[in-house]
Protein backbone atom coordinates (compact mmCIF):
# COMPACT_ATOMS: atom_id res chain seq x y z
CA MET A 1 166.80 145.28 80.87
CA THR A 2 164.92 144.24 77.73
CA GLN A 3 165.37 140.59 76.82
CA LYS A 4 165.30 139.34 73.24
CA ILE A 5 163.24 136.46 71.93
CA ALA A 6 164.01 134.85 68.58
CA VAL A 7 160.76 133.72 66.97
CA LEU A 8 161.03 130.81 64.51
CA ALA A 9 157.54 129.93 63.31
CA GLY A 10 158.71 127.22 60.91
CA ASP A 11 156.38 125.10 58.80
CA GLY A 12 152.84 123.74 58.69
CA ILE A 13 150.72 125.05 61.54
CA GLY A 14 153.80 126.67 63.08
CA PRO A 15 152.99 130.21 61.89
CA GLU A 16 149.34 129.85 63.03
CA ILE A 17 150.07 128.77 66.58
CA VAL A 18 153.07 131.07 67.04
CA ALA A 19 150.86 134.02 66.06
CA GLU A 20 148.61 133.27 69.04
CA ALA A 21 151.59 132.93 71.38
CA LEU A 22 152.82 136.32 70.18
CA LYS A 23 149.42 137.81 71.10
CA VAL A 24 150.07 136.64 74.65
CA LEU A 25 153.58 138.09 74.67
CA ASP A 26 152.28 141.39 73.27
CA THR A 27 149.66 141.53 76.02
CA LEU A 28 152.23 140.81 78.71
CA ARG A 29 154.40 143.55 77.29
CA ALA A 30 151.62 146.15 76.93
CA ASP A 31 149.57 145.44 80.04
CA PHE A 32 152.04 143.98 82.51
CA GLY A 33 155.35 145.65 81.62
CA LEU A 34 157.20 142.55 80.43
CA ALA A 35 160.47 143.89 78.98
CA VAL A 36 160.94 141.76 75.87
CA GLU A 37 161.44 142.31 72.17
CA THR A 38 160.96 139.75 69.41
CA GLU A 39 162.66 139.15 66.08
CA ALA A 40 161.56 136.58 63.49
CA GLY A 41 163.79 134.15 61.61
CA LEU A 42 163.49 131.18 59.25
CA ILE A 43 163.98 127.51 60.03
CA GLY A 44 163.03 124.15 58.55
CA GLY A 45 161.27 123.80 55.24
CA ALA A 46 160.46 127.51 55.04
CA ALA A 47 164.16 128.29 55.41
CA TYR A 48 165.10 125.70 52.78
CA ASP A 49 162.65 127.19 50.30
CA ALA A 50 164.05 130.68 50.85
CA THR A 51 167.77 129.96 51.26
CA GLY A 52 168.50 126.37 50.22
CA THR A 53 169.28 125.28 53.78
CA PRO A 54 166.98 124.41 56.72
CA PHE A 55 169.25 126.27 59.15
CA PRO A 56 170.65 129.49 57.68
CA ASP A 57 173.59 131.28 59.30
CA THR A 58 171.34 134.28 59.93
CA THR A 59 169.02 132.10 62.03
CA LEU A 60 171.92 130.70 64.02
CA LYS A 61 173.21 134.21 64.71
CA LEU A 62 169.75 135.40 65.75
CA ALA A 63 169.32 132.45 68.11
CA GLN A 64 172.78 132.90 69.61
CA GLN A 65 172.14 136.58 70.33
CA ALA A 66 168.68 135.99 71.80
CA ASP A 67 167.90 135.24 75.44
CA ALA A 68 165.29 132.66 74.42
CA VAL A 69 163.89 131.04 71.28
CA LEU A 70 160.19 130.47 70.56
CA LEU A 71 159.70 127.74 67.93
CA GLY A 72 156.60 126.56 66.09
CA ALA A 73 157.15 123.35 64.14
CA VAL A 74 159.23 122.04 61.24
CA GLY A 75 158.76 119.56 58.42
CA GLY A 76 156.08 118.23 56.13
CA PRO A 77 155.50 115.96 53.11
CA LYS A 78 156.65 118.68 50.72
CA TRP A 79 160.26 118.26 51.86
CA GLU A 80 160.40 114.48 52.45
CA PRO A 81 162.01 113.76 49.05
CA LEU A 82 164.99 115.98 49.94
CA ASP A 83 168.36 114.53 50.88
CA TYR A 84 168.58 113.83 54.60
CA SER A 85 171.23 116.54 55.05
CA VAL A 86 168.81 119.34 54.05
CA ARG A 87 165.51 118.07 55.42
CA PRO A 88 163.67 120.51 57.72
CA GLU A 89 164.38 118.43 60.82
CA ARG A 90 168.11 119.04 60.35
CA GLY A 91 167.43 122.69 61.13
CA LEU A 92 165.89 121.78 64.46
CA LEU A 93 168.66 119.35 65.35
CA GLY A 94 171.27 121.92 64.34
CA LEU A 95 169.67 124.55 66.54
CA ARG A 96 169.67 122.25 69.55
CA SER A 97 173.28 121.25 68.93
CA GLU A 98 174.70 124.73 68.23
CA LEU A 99 173.01 126.24 71.28
CA GLU A 100 173.97 123.20 73.41
CA LEU A 101 170.37 122.74 74.53
CA PHE A 102 170.99 119.41 76.21
CA ALA A 103 168.10 119.31 78.72
CA ASN A 104 164.57 118.86 77.40
CA LEU A 105 161.75 119.30 79.93
CA ARG A 106 158.41 117.88 78.79
CA PRO A 107 155.54 118.09 81.28
CA ALA A 108 152.51 115.84 80.78
CA ILE A 109 149.67 117.38 82.78
CA LEU A 110 146.03 116.41 82.48
CA TYR A 111 143.85 119.42 83.19
CA PRO A 112 140.73 118.52 85.23
CA GLN A 113 138.56 120.02 82.50
CA LEU A 114 139.94 117.50 79.97
CA VAL A 115 139.82 114.24 81.89
CA HIS A 116 137.25 112.82 79.49
CA ALA A 117 139.34 113.83 76.45
CA SER A 118 141.91 111.17 77.34
CA THR A 119 141.49 107.74 75.77
CA LEU A 120 142.24 106.17 79.16
CA LYS A 121 139.71 105.74 81.95
CA PRO A 122 139.32 108.82 84.19
CA GLU A 123 140.37 106.90 87.29
CA VAL A 124 143.66 106.00 85.58
CA VAL A 125 144.64 109.49 84.39
CA ALA A 126 142.80 112.03 86.58
CA GLY A 127 145.39 114.16 88.36
CA LEU A 128 148.24 113.16 86.04
CA ASP A 129 151.34 115.37 86.41
CA VAL A 130 154.54 113.84 85.03
CA MET A 131 157.75 115.60 84.01
CA ILE A 132 159.91 113.86 81.41
CA ILE A 133 163.55 114.98 81.29
CA ARG A 134 165.06 114.02 77.93
CA GLU A 135 168.74 114.31 76.98
CA LEU A 136 168.65 116.25 73.74
CA THR A 137 172.05 116.66 72.10
CA GLY A 138 173.59 113.19 72.29
CA GLY A 139 172.67 109.60 71.70
CA ILE A 140 171.73 107.89 68.47
CA TYR A 141 170.43 111.04 66.76
CA PHE A 142 173.89 112.60 66.80
CA GLY A 143 176.27 109.64 67.14
CA GLN A 144 178.96 108.98 64.55
CA PRO A 145 179.52 107.04 62.36
CA ARG A 146 176.15 107.06 60.68
CA GLY A 147 174.96 106.62 57.13
CA ARG A 148 173.94 104.21 54.41
CA ARG A 149 176.05 101.82 52.38
CA ASN A 150 176.08 98.55 50.48
CA ASN A 151 177.42 95.58 52.41
CA ALA A 152 179.71 92.86 51.11
CA GLN A 153 176.72 91.03 49.60
CA GLY A 154 175.67 94.19 47.75
CA GLU A 155 172.66 94.66 49.96
CA ARG A 156 171.72 98.16 51.17
CA GLU A 157 172.04 98.79 54.88
CA GLY A 158 171.72 101.77 57.20
CA TYR A 159 173.65 102.31 60.41
CA ASN A 160 173.57 104.68 63.39
CA THR A 161 175.68 104.87 66.52
CA LEU A 162 174.29 105.07 70.05
CA ILE A 163 176.95 106.74 72.17
CA TYR A 164 177.02 108.74 75.42
CA SER A 165 179.96 110.01 77.43
CA GLU A 166 179.98 110.00 81.21
CA SER A 167 179.87 113.81 81.32
CA GLU A 168 176.83 113.95 79.02
CA ILE A 169 174.94 111.54 81.25
CA ARG A 170 176.00 113.23 84.47
CA ARG A 171 174.89 116.74 83.44
CA ILE A 172 171.38 115.64 82.41
CA ALA A 173 171.12 113.52 85.55
CA HIS A 174 171.86 116.59 87.69
CA ILE A 175 169.05 118.48 85.96
CA ALA A 176 166.63 115.60 86.56
CA PHE A 177 167.50 115.28 90.23
CA GLN A 178 167.17 119.04 90.71
CA VAL A 179 163.73 119.04 89.09
CA ALA A 180 162.67 116.04 91.17
CA ARG A 181 163.83 117.79 94.32
CA LYS A 182 161.34 120.60 93.61
CA ARG A 183 158.47 118.18 92.96
CA ASP A 184 157.60 114.91 94.72
CA LYS A 185 161.24 113.84 95.12
CA ARG A 186 160.88 110.72 92.97
CA LEU A 187 162.99 110.04 89.88
CA CYS A 188 162.71 107.05 87.55
CA SER A 189 165.62 106.63 85.12
CA ILE A 190 164.73 104.83 81.89
CA ASP A 191 167.26 102.64 80.08
CA LYS A 192 167.78 99.32 78.34
CA ALA A 193 170.76 98.26 80.44
CA ASN A 194 170.03 94.57 79.97
CA VAL A 195 171.00 94.66 76.28
CA LEU A 196 172.73 97.99 75.52
CA GLU A 197 176.16 98.75 76.97
CA CYS A 198 175.62 102.46 76.41
CA THR A 199 172.61 102.48 78.71
CA GLU A 200 174.39 100.21 81.17
CA LEU A 201 176.81 103.11 81.60
CA TRP A 202 173.81 105.46 81.75
CA ARG A 203 172.46 103.58 84.78
CA GLU A 204 175.84 103.51 86.52
CA VAL A 205 176.36 107.27 86.16
CA VAL A 206 172.80 108.09 87.25
CA VAL A 207 173.30 105.99 90.40
CA GLU A 208 176.58 107.78 91.12
CA THR A 209 174.99 111.20 90.58
CA GLY A 210 172.08 110.28 92.84
CA LYS A 211 174.43 110.14 95.81
CA ASP A 212 174.43 113.96 95.71
CA TYR A 213 170.65 113.96 96.15
CA PRO A 214 169.88 111.59 99.03
CA GLU A 215 166.43 113.12 99.50
CA VAL A 216 165.34 111.97 96.01
CA GLU A 217 164.09 108.40 95.65
CA LEU A 218 165.75 106.88 92.58
CA SER A 219 164.37 103.93 90.62
CA HIS A 220 165.14 102.37 87.24
CA MET A 221 162.95 100.89 84.53
CA TYR A 222 163.60 99.33 81.13
CA VAL A 223 162.13 101.42 78.34
CA ASP A 224 159.73 98.75 77.07
CA ASN A 225 158.25 98.35 80.54
CA ALA A 226 158.14 102.13 80.97
CA ALA A 227 156.03 102.45 77.82
CA MET A 228 153.63 99.84 79.16
CA GLN A 229 153.48 101.42 82.61
CA LEU A 230 152.72 104.87 81.15
CA VAL A 231 149.52 103.39 79.77
CA ARG A 232 148.79 101.02 82.64
CA ASN A 233 149.47 103.28 85.63
CA PRO A 234 150.92 106.65 84.61
CA LYS A 235 150.46 108.32 87.99
CA GLN A 236 153.17 106.10 89.49
CA PHE A 237 155.70 108.46 87.85
CA ASP A 238 156.78 111.89 89.02
CA VAL A 239 159.98 112.67 87.06
CA MET A 240 161.27 110.39 84.30
CA LEU A 241 164.86 110.69 83.01
CA THR A 242 165.59 109.34 79.53
CA ASP A 243 168.10 109.42 76.74
CA ASN A 244 167.35 111.18 73.45
CA MET A 245 165.56 108.47 71.50
CA PHE A 246 163.67 106.91 74.41
CA GLY A 247 162.54 110.38 75.49
CA ASP A 248 161.33 111.20 72.00
CA ILE A 249 159.07 108.16 72.04
CA LEU A 250 157.91 108.17 75.67
CA SER A 251 157.06 111.87 75.76
CA ASP A 252 154.71 111.47 72.79
CA CYS A 253 153.15 108.47 74.50
CA ALA A 254 152.66 110.53 77.67
CA ALA A 255 151.22 113.36 75.61
CA MET A 256 148.24 111.28 74.51
CA LEU A 257 147.38 110.50 78.12
CA THR A 258 146.42 114.15 78.44
CA GLY A 259 143.81 114.02 75.70
CA SER A 260 145.73 115.83 72.98
CA ILE A 261 149.31 116.39 71.92
CA GLY A 262 148.16 119.96 71.25
CA MET A 263 148.16 120.67 74.99
CA LEU A 264 151.79 120.04 75.85
CA PRO A 265 154.72 122.48 75.84
CA SER A 266 158.43 121.86 76.21
CA ALA A 267 161.61 123.63 77.23
CA SER A 268 165.10 122.84 75.98
CA LEU A 269 167.76 124.41 78.18
CA ASP A 270 171.51 124.98 78.16
CA LYS A 271 173.66 124.97 81.29
CA ALA A 272 172.99 128.68 81.91
CA GLY A 273 169.19 128.45 81.61
CA LYS A 274 168.89 129.88 78.11
CA GLY A 275 166.18 127.96 76.36
CA MET A 276 164.21 127.09 73.28
CA TYR A 277 160.50 126.72 73.86
CA GLU A 278 158.17 124.79 71.57
CA PRO A 279 155.03 122.64 71.53
CA ILE A 280 155.87 118.96 71.31
CA HIS A 281 153.51 118.28 68.40
CA GLY A 282 154.66 118.43 64.80
CA SER A 283 153.76 120.63 61.86
CA ALA A 284 150.41 118.86 61.29
CA PRO A 285 150.26 119.33 57.49
CA ASP A 286 146.81 117.72 57.39
CA ILE A 287 145.25 120.69 59.20
CA THR A 288 147.57 123.48 58.04
CA GLY A 289 145.65 126.55 56.93
CA LYS A 290 142.30 125.32 58.29
CA GLY A 291 142.40 127.53 61.38
CA ILE A 292 141.68 124.67 63.77
CA ALA A 293 145.11 123.96 65.31
CA ASN A 294 145.29 124.08 69.10
CA PRO A 295 147.58 126.97 70.18
CA ILE A 296 147.55 126.08 73.88
CA ALA A 297 150.79 124.06 73.85
CA THR A 298 152.60 127.00 72.25
CA ILE A 299 151.12 129.46 74.75
CA LEU A 300 152.11 127.12 77.58
CA SER A 301 155.60 127.12 76.08
CA VAL A 302 155.58 130.89 76.61
CA ALA A 303 154.69 130.23 80.25
CA MET A 304 157.67 127.88 80.53
CA MET A 305 159.86 130.57 78.96
CA LEU A 306 158.68 133.05 81.58
CA ARG A 307 159.46 130.56 84.34
CA TYR A 308 162.79 129.06 83.26
CA THR A 309 164.56 131.79 81.24
CA LEU A 310 162.86 135.13 81.88
CA ASN A 311 162.55 134.36 85.62
CA ASN A 312 159.04 135.75 85.95
CA GLU A 313 157.10 133.20 87.96
CA ALA A 314 154.15 135.54 88.52
CA LEU A 315 153.46 136.07 84.82
CA ALA A 316 154.00 132.37 84.09
CA ASP A 317 151.31 131.58 86.66
CA ARG A 318 149.04 134.22 85.15
CA VAL A 319 149.29 132.70 81.66
CA GLU A 320 148.54 129.22 82.99
CA GLN A 321 145.59 130.53 85.00
CA ALA A 322 144.20 132.26 81.89
CA ILE A 323 144.29 128.95 80.03
CA ARG A 324 142.55 127.13 82.88
CA ALA A 325 139.89 129.83 83.06
CA THR A 326 139.25 129.57 79.32
CA LEU A 327 138.89 125.80 79.59
CA ASP A 328 136.59 126.26 82.60
CA GLU A 329 134.24 128.26 80.37
CA GLY A 330 133.99 125.28 78.05
CA TYR A 331 135.94 126.49 75.01
CA ARG A 332 137.71 123.79 73.02
CA THR A 333 139.63 123.45 69.78
CA PRO A 334 138.55 120.39 67.72
CA ASP A 335 141.29 118.12 69.11
CA ILE A 336 139.88 118.43 72.66
CA TYR A 337 136.23 119.02 71.80
CA SER A 338 133.50 116.94 73.40
CA GLU A 339 129.74 117.17 73.45
CA GLY A 340 128.53 120.03 75.60
CA THR A 341 131.56 122.25 75.01
CA ALA A 342 132.02 125.15 72.59
CA LYS A 343 134.18 124.43 69.54
CA VAL A 344 136.49 127.30 68.54
CA GLY A 345 139.36 127.79 66.11
CA THR A 346 142.99 128.74 66.56
CA VAL A 347 142.54 132.52 66.49
CA GLN A 348 139.47 132.54 68.70
CA MET A 349 141.18 130.35 71.32
CA GLY A 350 144.10 132.79 71.38
CA ASP A 351 141.73 135.73 71.76
CA LEU A 352 139.84 134.04 74.59
CA ILE A 353 143.05 133.33 76.50
CA VAL A 354 144.21 136.94 76.05
CA ARG A 355 140.84 138.12 77.36
CA LYS A 356 141.29 136.03 80.52
CA LEU A 357 144.88 137.21 80.81
CA ARG A 358 143.63 140.78 81.01
CA ALA A 359 140.72 140.01 83.34
């Protein structure tokens, strides 16, 4: 049965990096019999420019009918003056919410070939392999009430609500324990239970859920300490479970341990395994159109799609091996370049990976 992939390139470097990921999908389809079809749609600033909204109904319908979504990036300075309700990021948040993509999986893996690209000492980061599980559809980004107002003294103030229900916490905790069970069986839940009642409940529910997974070692850490420990001793972590905002921050911190945010993919899954796959970096307006963006995170997102939604472990492994082989030959985009390696652009990196894929 042919499976459908909705392709939402978005803004900035999104179209450039998605084009290279589509080369990989086309190769898998032509050379390895992968039964998929793709259809493009608009999201973010590009959608606003064309339709007046960052999340058109046609895009929602396309995403709902697809088996998986491949996303590039959204946002940029061009749209920052817009009202919050129609900024590009609202399209991304709307997509996550409408598809109920509550579980965000963000691996932070340091490839041996890139140990010296990290800003940390090799002995601190060599062999790094952390999975961050981020709750994606609740918390302060979605909580109500929210807004801006003038207070009784006439001063402007902004307010947001951090709220989680027991069921929201429990379902993401189950995902985290299940992932940990397949890895090193260690799970660290991140919260701020000493000052936030919402995360006090988070800790309680995670502890209760952990009773169903006695083989997984559960620990807890306050988010400020977790940020410090990610820099001090990142290899102490195997799987980290976080709420929406903490995960947003910690996953970007973990990304830089690997040498470049351009190397890291992500998967956002619903309860049935349908997912949206995207690099964790942004739209990078400063390098848009220069042909130097790193497409590897987007191609690795395709590998995650193959593994978690399309259920093709063999082809997922093949894509990852093609990337490793390309790095072994010394090819680097500017963000991971170092003396003695060969600097290449976005398109050439995609072509090199496809060549290894076919080898």
